[in-house]
Amino acid sequence: MIYRLVGEGAMVLHMAFLVYVALGGFLAWKWPRAFWPHLACALYGLGVTVIGWICPLTLIENWGREQAGQAGLPTEGFIEHYLTGVIYPTEHLITAQLLVALSVAVSWAGCLLLYLRRRREPSENRA
């Protein structure tokens, strides 16, 4: 039972991480310091996608499921198992990745604009 919970917990954390990578930059619009952890997560996500780094959450999920007597994830990994062909069609994987990249870019551009506006406001209030 505990191993199954480890596998399921890793799956939930994995999904939360992916949602955070895709949308977490928007948190920095309200809380500017949230940009830095999002930057680290987005860069790590980019490394997993582009370079092919192995995600430790995939390893933990596989270990938990196998210890519980279940099948682990296929060799393709978490995204291909849970998202590709389920949330979006297989032939639109690149489109989904580009949409996530666009979401990150828009959130960071918004962070930059808000940062510049906040920097300018005190000098305007002094005059």
N, C-alpha and C. Protein backbone atom coordinates (compact mmCIF):
# COMPACT_ATOMS: atom_id res chain seq x y z
N MET A 1 0.82 -1.20 0.00
CA MET A 1 0.00 0.00 0.00
C MET A 1 0.86 1.26 0.00
N ILE A 2 1.91 1.29 0.82
CA ILE A 2 2.75 2.48 0.91
C ILE A 2 3.48 2.74 -0.41
N TYR A 3 3.90 1.68 -1.09
CA TYR A 3 4.60 1.85 -2.36
C TYR A 3 3.67 2.44 -3.42
N ARG A 4 2.44 2.00 -3.39
CA ARG A 4 1.46 2.54 -4.34
C ARG A 4 1.26 4.04 -4.08
N LEU A 5 1.21 4.42 -2.80
CA LEU A 5 1.08 5.83 -2.45
C LEU A 5 2.30 6.63 -2.92
N VAL A 6 3.47 6.04 -2.84
CA VAL A 6 4.68 6.70 -3.33
C VAL A 6 4.55 6.96 -4.84
N GLY A 7 4.13 5.93 -5.57
CA GLY A 7 3.96 6.07 -7.02
C GLY A 7 2.90 7.09 -7.37
N GLU A 8 1.76 7.03 -6.69
CA GLU A 8 0.68 7.98 -6.96
C GLU A 8 1.08 9.39 -6.55
N GLY A 9 1.76 9.51 -5.42
CA GLY A 9 2.22 10.82 -4.96
C GLY A 9 3.20 11.45 -5.94
N ALA A 10 4.11 10.64 -6.46
CA ALA A 10 5.07 11.15 -7.45
C ALA A 10 4.35 11.60 -8.71
N MET A 11 3.30 10.86 -9.10
CA MET A 11 2.53 11.25 -10.29
C MET A 11 1.86 12.60 -10.05
N VAL A 12 1.26 12.79 -8.89
CA VAL A 12 0.59 14.06 -8.58
C VAL A 12 1.60 15.20 -8.54
N LEU A 13 2.75 14.99 -7.90
CA LEU A 13 3.79 16.02 -7.87
C LEU A 13 4.30 16.34 -9.27
N HIS A 14 4.42 15.32 -10.09
CA HIS A 14 4.88 15.51 -11.46
C HIS A 14 3.90 16.40 -12.23
N MET A 15 2.61 16.10 -12.09
CA MET A 15 1.60 16.90 -12.78
C MET A 15 1.61 18.34 -12.26
N ALA A 16 1.73 18.49 -10.94
CA ALA A 16 1.80 19.84 -10.35
C ALA A 16 3.02 20.59 -10.87
N PHE A 17 4.15 19.91 -10.99
CA PHE A 17 5.36 20.54 -11.52
C PHE A 17 5.13 21.03 -12.95
N LEU A 18 4.49 20.20 -13.78
CA LEU A 18 4.25 20.59 -15.16
C LEU A 18 3.31 21.78 -15.25
N VAL A 19 2.29 21.80 -14.42
CA VAL A 19 1.37 22.95 -14.39
C VAL A 19 2.12 24.19 -13.93
N TYR A 20 2.99 24.04 -12.92
CA TYR A 20 3.78 25.17 -12.44
C TYR A 20 4.72 25.69 -13.52
N VAL A 21 5.36 24.80 -14.26
CA VAL A 21 6.24 25.24 -15.34
C VAL A 21 5.45 26.03 -16.37
N ALA A 22 4.27 25.54 -16.72
CA ALA A 22 3.47 26.19 -17.75
C ALA A 22 2.87 27.51 -17.29
N LEU A 23 2.44 27.59 -16.03
CA LEU A 23 1.67 28.75 -15.59
C LEU A 23 2.27 29.50 -14.40
N GLY A 24 3.30 28.96 -13.79
CA GLY A 24 3.84 29.54 -12.57
C GLY A 24 4.43 30.92 -12.72
N GLY A 25 4.86 31.27 -13.92
CA GLY A 25 5.42 32.61 -14.13
C GLY A 25 4.40 33.71 -13.89
N PHE A 26 3.13 33.38 -14.03
CA PHE A 26 2.09 34.37 -13.79
C PHE A 26 1.96 34.70 -12.31
N LEU A 27 2.40 33.81 -11.43
CA LEU A 27 2.41 34.11 -9.99
C LEU A 27 3.32 35.28 -9.69
N ALA A 28 4.37 35.42 -10.47
CA ALA A 28 5.33 36.50 -10.26
C ALA A 28 4.75 37.87 -10.60
N TRP A 29 3.63 37.90 -11.28
CA TRP A 29 2.99 39.19 -11.53
C TRP A 29 2.51 39.79 -10.21
N LYS A 30 2.04 38.95 -9.32
CA LYS A 30 1.58 39.41 -8.01
C LYS A 30 2.72 39.38 -6.99
N TRP A 31 3.53 38.32 -7.03
CA TRP A 31 4.64 38.15 -6.09
C TRP A 31 5.94 38.07 -6.89
N PRO A 32 6.61 39.20 -7.11
CA PRO A 32 7.80 39.23 -7.97
C PRO A 32 8.89 38.24 -7.60
N ARG A 33 9.06 37.93 -6.34
CA ARG A 33 10.11 36.98 -5.94
C ARG A 33 9.82 35.57 -6.43
N ALA A 34 8.59 35.30 -6.82
CA ALA A 34 8.23 33.97 -7.34
C ALA A 34 8.85 33.71 -8.71
N PHE A 35 9.40 34.76 -9.32
CA PHE A 35 10.04 34.58 -10.62
C PHE A 35 11.22 33.62 -10.54
N TRP A 36 12.03 33.74 -9.49
CA TRP A 36 13.28 32.97 -9.42
C TRP A 36 13.06 31.47 -9.31
N PRO A 37 12.15 31.00 -8.44
CA PRO A 37 11.91 29.55 -8.45
C PRO A 37 11.30 29.09 -9.77
N HIS A 38 10.47 29.95 -10.37
CA HIS A 38 9.89 29.56 -11.66
C HIS A 38 10.97 29.47 -12.73
N LEU A 39 11.91 30.39 -12.72
CA LEU A 39 13.01 30.34 -13.67
C LEU A 39 13.77 29.02 -13.54
N ALA A 40 14.08 28.62 -12.31
CA ALA A 40 14.79 27.36 -12.10
C ALA A 40 13.99 26.17 -12.62
N CYS A 41 12.71 26.13 -12.31
CA CYS A 41 11.86 25.01 -12.76
C CYS A 41 11.71 25.00 -14.28
N ALA A 42 11.54 26.18 -14.87
CA ALA A 42 11.38 26.25 -16.33
C ALA A 42 12.67 25.82 -17.03
N LEU A 43 13.81 26.22 -16.51
CA LEU A 43 15.08 25.80 -17.11
C LEU A 43 15.27 24.29 -16.96
N TYR A 44 14.90 23.75 -15.81
CA TYR A 44 15.00 22.31 -15.63
C TYR A 44 14.06 21.58 -16.60
N GLY A 45 12.83 22.08 -16.72
CA GLY A 45 11.88 21.49 -17.66
C GLY A 45 12.39 21.56 -19.09
N LEU A 46 13.04 22.66 -19.43
CA LEU A 46 13.64 22.78 -20.76
C LEU A 46 14.75 21.75 -20.95
N GLY A 47 15.54 21.55 -19.91
CA GLY A 47 16.61 20.55 -19.98
C GLY A 47 16.07 19.15 -20.17
N VAL A 48 14.98 18.84 -19.49
CA VAL A 48 14.36 17.52 -19.64
C VAL A 48 13.83 17.35 -21.06
N THR A 49 13.22 18.41 -21.59
CA THR A 49 12.61 18.34 -22.92
C THR A 49 13.65 18.34 -24.04
N VAL A 50 14.61 19.24 -23.96
CA VAL A 50 15.55 19.42 -25.07
C VAL A 50 16.76 18.48 -24.95
N ILE A 51 17.34 18.41 -23.77
CA ILE A 51 18.56 17.63 -23.59
C ILE A 51 18.24 16.17 -23.31
N GLY A 52 17.09 15.92 -22.71
CA GLY A 52 16.71 14.54 -22.39
C GLY A 52 17.12 14.10 -21.01
N TRP A 53 17.29 15.08 -20.09
CA TRP A 53 17.60 14.72 -18.72
C TRP A 53 16.50 13.81 -18.17
N ILE A 54 16.86 12.95 -17.26
CA ILE A 54 15.89 12.06 -16.63
C ILE A 54 15.31 12.79 -15.41
N CYS A 55 14.00 12.79 -15.32
CA CYS A 55 13.33 13.45 -14.20
C CYS A 55 13.30 12.52 -13.00
N PRO A 56 13.72 12.98 -11.83
CA PRO A 56 13.71 12.12 -10.65
C PRO A 56 12.29 11.70 -10.25
N LEU A 57 11.29 12.51 -10.56
CA LEU A 57 9.92 12.11 -10.22
C LEU A 57 9.49 10.89 -11.03
N THR A 58 9.97 10.78 -12.25
CA THR A 58 9.68 9.59 -13.06
C THR A 58 10.31 8.36 -12.41
N LEU A 59 11.53 8.51 -11.96
CA LEU A 59 12.22 7.39 -11.30
C LEU A 59 11.49 6.98 -10.02
N ILE A 60 11.05 7.96 -9.24
CA ILE A 60 10.34 7.67 -7.99
C ILE A 60 9.01 6.99 -8.29
N GLU A 61 8.28 7.51 -9.28
CA GLU A 61 7.01 6.89 -9.62
C GLU A 61 7.21 5.44 -10.08
N ASN A 62 8.17 5.24 -10.96
CA ASN A 62 8.46 3.88 -11.42
C ASN A 62 8.80 2.96 -10.25
N TRP A 63 9.67 3.40 -9.37
CA TRP A 63 10.09 2.60 -8.23
C TRP A 63 8.88 2.24 -7.37
N GLY A 64 8.06 3.24 -7.02
CA GLY A 64 6.90 2.98 -6.18
C GLY A 64 5.92 2.01 -6.82
N ARG A 65 5.66 2.22 -8.11
CA ARG A 65 4.71 1.34 -8.79
C ARG A 65 5.26 -0.09 -8.90
N GLU A 66 6.53 -0.22 -9.23
CA GLU A 66 7.11 -1.56 -9.35
C GLU A 66 7.17 -2.27 -8.01
N GLN A 67 7.46 -1.54 -6.94
CA GLN A 67 7.47 -2.14 -5.60
C GLN A 67 6.06 -2.57 -5.18
N ALA A 68 5.05 -1.89 -5.72
CA ALA A 68 3.66 -2.23 -5.41
C ALA A 68 3.14 -3.34 -6.32
N GLY A 69 3.98 -3.84 -7.23
CA GLY A 69 3.57 -4.91 -8.14
C GLY A 69 2.85 -4.41 -9.38
N GLN A 70 2.93 -3.12 -9.64
CA GLN A 70 2.31 -2.54 -10.83
C GLN A 70 3.37 -2.34 -11.90
N ALA A 71 2.89 -2.05 -13.09
CA ALA A 71 3.81 -1.72 -14.19
C ALA A 71 4.29 -0.29 -14.01
N GLY A 72 5.56 -0.06 -14.28
CA GLY A 72 6.09 1.29 -14.25
C GLY A 72 5.71 2.03 -15.51
N LEU A 73 6.19 3.24 -15.62
CA LEU A 73 5.94 4.02 -16.82
C LEU A 73 6.67 3.40 -18.00
N PRO A 74 6.14 3.56 -19.21
CA PRO A 74 6.89 3.10 -20.38
C PRO A 74 8.17 3.92 -20.54
N THR A 75 9.07 3.44 -21.35
CA THR A 75 10.36 4.10 -21.50
C THR A 75 10.23 5.53 -22.03
N GLU A 76 9.14 5.86 -22.69
CA GLU A 76 8.95 7.21 -23.21
C GLU A 76 8.81 8.23 -22.09
N GLY A 77 8.27 7.83 -20.95
CA GLY A 77 8.20 8.71 -19.80
C GLY A 77 6.81 9.22 -19.46
N PHE A 78 6.81 10.13 -18.50
CA PHE A 78 5.58 10.65 -17.91
C PHE A 78 4.69 11.37 -18.92
N ILE A 79 5.25 12.32 -19.62
CA ILE A 79 4.44 13.14 -20.53
C ILE A 79 3.80 12.29 -21.61
N GLU A 80 4.58 11.42 -22.21
CA GLU A 80 4.04 10.58 -23.27
C GLU A 80 2.97 9.61 -22.74
N HIS A 81 3.11 9.19 -21.49
CA HIS A 81 2.16 8.23 -20.92
C HIS A 81 0.85 8.91 -20.50
N TYR A 82 0.96 10.04 -19.81
CA TYR A 82 -0.22 10.65 -19.23
C TYR A 82 -0.83 11.77 -20.07
N LEU A 83 -0.05 12.41 -20.92
CA LEU A 83 -0.55 13.59 -21.64
C LEU A 83 -0.68 13.38 -23.14
N THR A 84 0.40 12.93 -23.78
CA THR A 84 0.38 12.77 -25.23
C THR A 84 -0.61 11.68 -25.62
N GLY A 85 -1.55 12.05 -26.46
CA GLY A 85 -2.58 11.11 -26.88
C GLY A 85 -3.75 11.04 -25.92
N VAL A 86 -3.63 11.73 -24.77
CA VAL A 86 -4.73 11.77 -23.80
C VAL A 86 -5.28 13.19 -23.71
N ILE A 87 -4.41 14.15 -23.41
CA ILE A 87 -4.81 15.55 -23.29
C ILE A 87 -4.78 16.23 -24.66
N TYR A 88 -3.83 15.87 -25.47
CA TYR A 88 -3.70 16.40 -26.83
C TYR A 88 -3.30 15.26 -27.75
N PRO A 89 -3.66 15.36 -29.03
CA PRO A 89 -3.30 14.28 -29.97
C PRO A 89 -1.79 14.13 -30.11
N THR A 90 -1.34 12.92 -30.34
CA THR A 90 0.07 12.61 -30.45
C THR A 90 0.77 13.48 -31.48
N GLU A 91 0.11 13.74 -32.60
CA GLU A 91 0.75 14.53 -33.66
C GLU A 91 0.89 16.02 -33.29
N HIS A 92 0.35 16.42 -32.13
CA HIS A 92 0.45 17.83 -31.71
C HIS A 92 1.36 18.03 -30.51
N LEU A 93 2.29 17.11 -30.31
CA LEU A 93 3.24 17.24 -29.21
C LEU A 93 4.05 18.53 -29.32
N ILE A 94 4.58 18.81 -30.49
CA ILE A 94 5.37 20.03 -30.69
C ILE A 94 4.51 21.26 -30.44
N THR A 95 3.27 21.22 -30.90
CA THR A 95 2.36 22.35 -30.68
C THR A 95 2.14 22.57 -29.19
N ALA A 96 1.93 21.50 -28.44
CA ALA A 96 1.74 21.62 -26.99
C ALA A 96 2.99 22.19 -26.33
N GLN A 97 4.16 21.72 -26.74
CA GLN A 97 5.41 22.23 -26.17
C GLN A 97 5.59 23.71 -26.49
N LEU A 98 5.26 24.10 -27.71
CA LEU A 98 5.37 25.51 -28.09
C LEU A 98 4.37 26.38 -27.32
N LEU A 99 3.19 25.87 -27.05
CA LEU A 99 2.21 26.62 -26.26
C LEU A 99 2.69 26.81 -24.83
N VAL A 100 3.32 25.79 -24.27
CA VAL A 100 3.88 25.94 -22.93
C VAL A 100 5.00 26.99 -22.96
N ALA A 101 5.86 26.92 -23.96
CA ALA A 101 6.94 27.90 -24.09
C ALA A 101 6.37 29.31 -24.26
N LEU A 102 5.31 29.44 -25.03
CA LEU A 102 4.67 30.74 -25.22
C LEU A 102 4.09 31.25 -23.90
N SER A 103 3.47 30.38 -23.14
CA SER A 103 2.92 30.76 -21.84
C SER A 103 4.02 31.28 -20.91
N VAL A 104 5.14 30.57 -20.89
CA VAL A 104 6.28 30.99 -20.06
C VAL A 104 6.80 32.34 -20.55
N ALA A 105 6.96 32.50 -21.87
CA ALA A 105 7.48 33.76 -22.42
C ALA A 105 6.54 34.92 -22.11
N VAL A 106 5.24 34.72 -22.25
CA VAL A 106 4.27 35.79 -21.95
C VAL A 106 4.33 36.14 -20.47
N SER A 107 4.40 35.13 -19.62
CA SER A 107 4.44 35.41 -18.17
C SER A 107 5.71 36.18 -17.81
N TRP A 108 6.83 35.82 -18.41
CA TRP A 108 8.07 36.53 -18.12
C TRP A 108 8.07 37.93 -18.70
N ALA A 109 7.51 38.11 -19.89
CA ALA A 109 7.40 39.45 -20.47
C ALA A 109 6.53 40.32 -19.56
N GLY A 110 5.45 39.76 -19.06
CA GLY A 110 4.60 40.50 -18.12
C GLY A 110 5.35 40.85 -16.86
N CYS A 111 6.16 39.95 -16.36
CA CYS A 111 6.99 40.22 -15.17
C CYS A 111 7.92 41.39 -15.43
N LEU A 112 8.55 41.37 -16.60
CA LEU A 112 9.47 42.45 -16.95
C LEU A 112 8.74 43.79 -17.02
N LEU A 113 7.60 43.82 -17.68
CA LEU A 113 6.84 45.07 -17.79
C LEU A 113 6.40 45.57 -16.42
N LEU A 114 5.92 44.68 -15.57
CA LEU A 114 5.52 45.08 -14.22
C LEU A 114 6.71 45.56 -13.40
N TYR A 115 7.85 44.90 -13.57
CA TYR A 115 9.07 45.31 -12.86
C TYR A 115 9.47 46.72 -13.29
N LEU A 116 9.46 46.97 -14.59
CA LEU A 116 9.83 48.30 -15.08
C LEU A 116 8.84 49.36 -14.61
N ARG A 117 7.57 49.03 -14.58
CA ARG A 117 6.56 49.97 -14.11
C ARG A 117 6.75 50.26 -12.63
N ARG A 118 7.01 49.23 -11.84
CA ARG A 118 7.21 49.43 -10.40
C ARG A 118 8.46 50.25 -10.12
N ARG A 119 9.48 50.07 -10.94
CA ARG A 119 10.73 50.85 -10.77
C ARG A 119 10.51 52.31 -11.09
N ARG A 120 9.67 52.58 -12.06
CA ARG A 120 9.42 53.94 -12.51
C ARG A 120 8.48 54.69 -11.57
N GLU A 121 7.55 54.00 -10.94
CA GLU A 121 6.54 54.64 -10.11
C GLU A 121 7.11 55.50 -8.98
N PRO A 122 8.07 55.04 -8.19
CA PRO A 122 8.57 55.88 -7.10
C PRO A 122 9.17 57.20 -7.60
N SER A 123 9.87 57.20 -8.72
CA SER A 123 10.47 58.43 -9.22
C SER A 123 9.39 59.39 -9.72
N GLU A 124 8.29 58.87 -10.25
CA GLU A 124 7.20 59.73 -10.68
C GLU A 124 6.47 60.34 -9.48
N ASN A 125 6.39 59.63 -8.37
CA ASN A 125 5.70 60.12 -7.19
C ASN A 125 6.50 61.20 -6.46
N ARG A 126 7.81 61.24 -6.66
CA ARG A 126 8.67 62.22 -6.01
C ARG A 126 8.52 63.61 -6.61
N ALA A 127 8.18 63.69 -7.86
CA ALA A 127 8.14 65.00 -8.55
C ALA A 127 6.96 65.85 -8.14
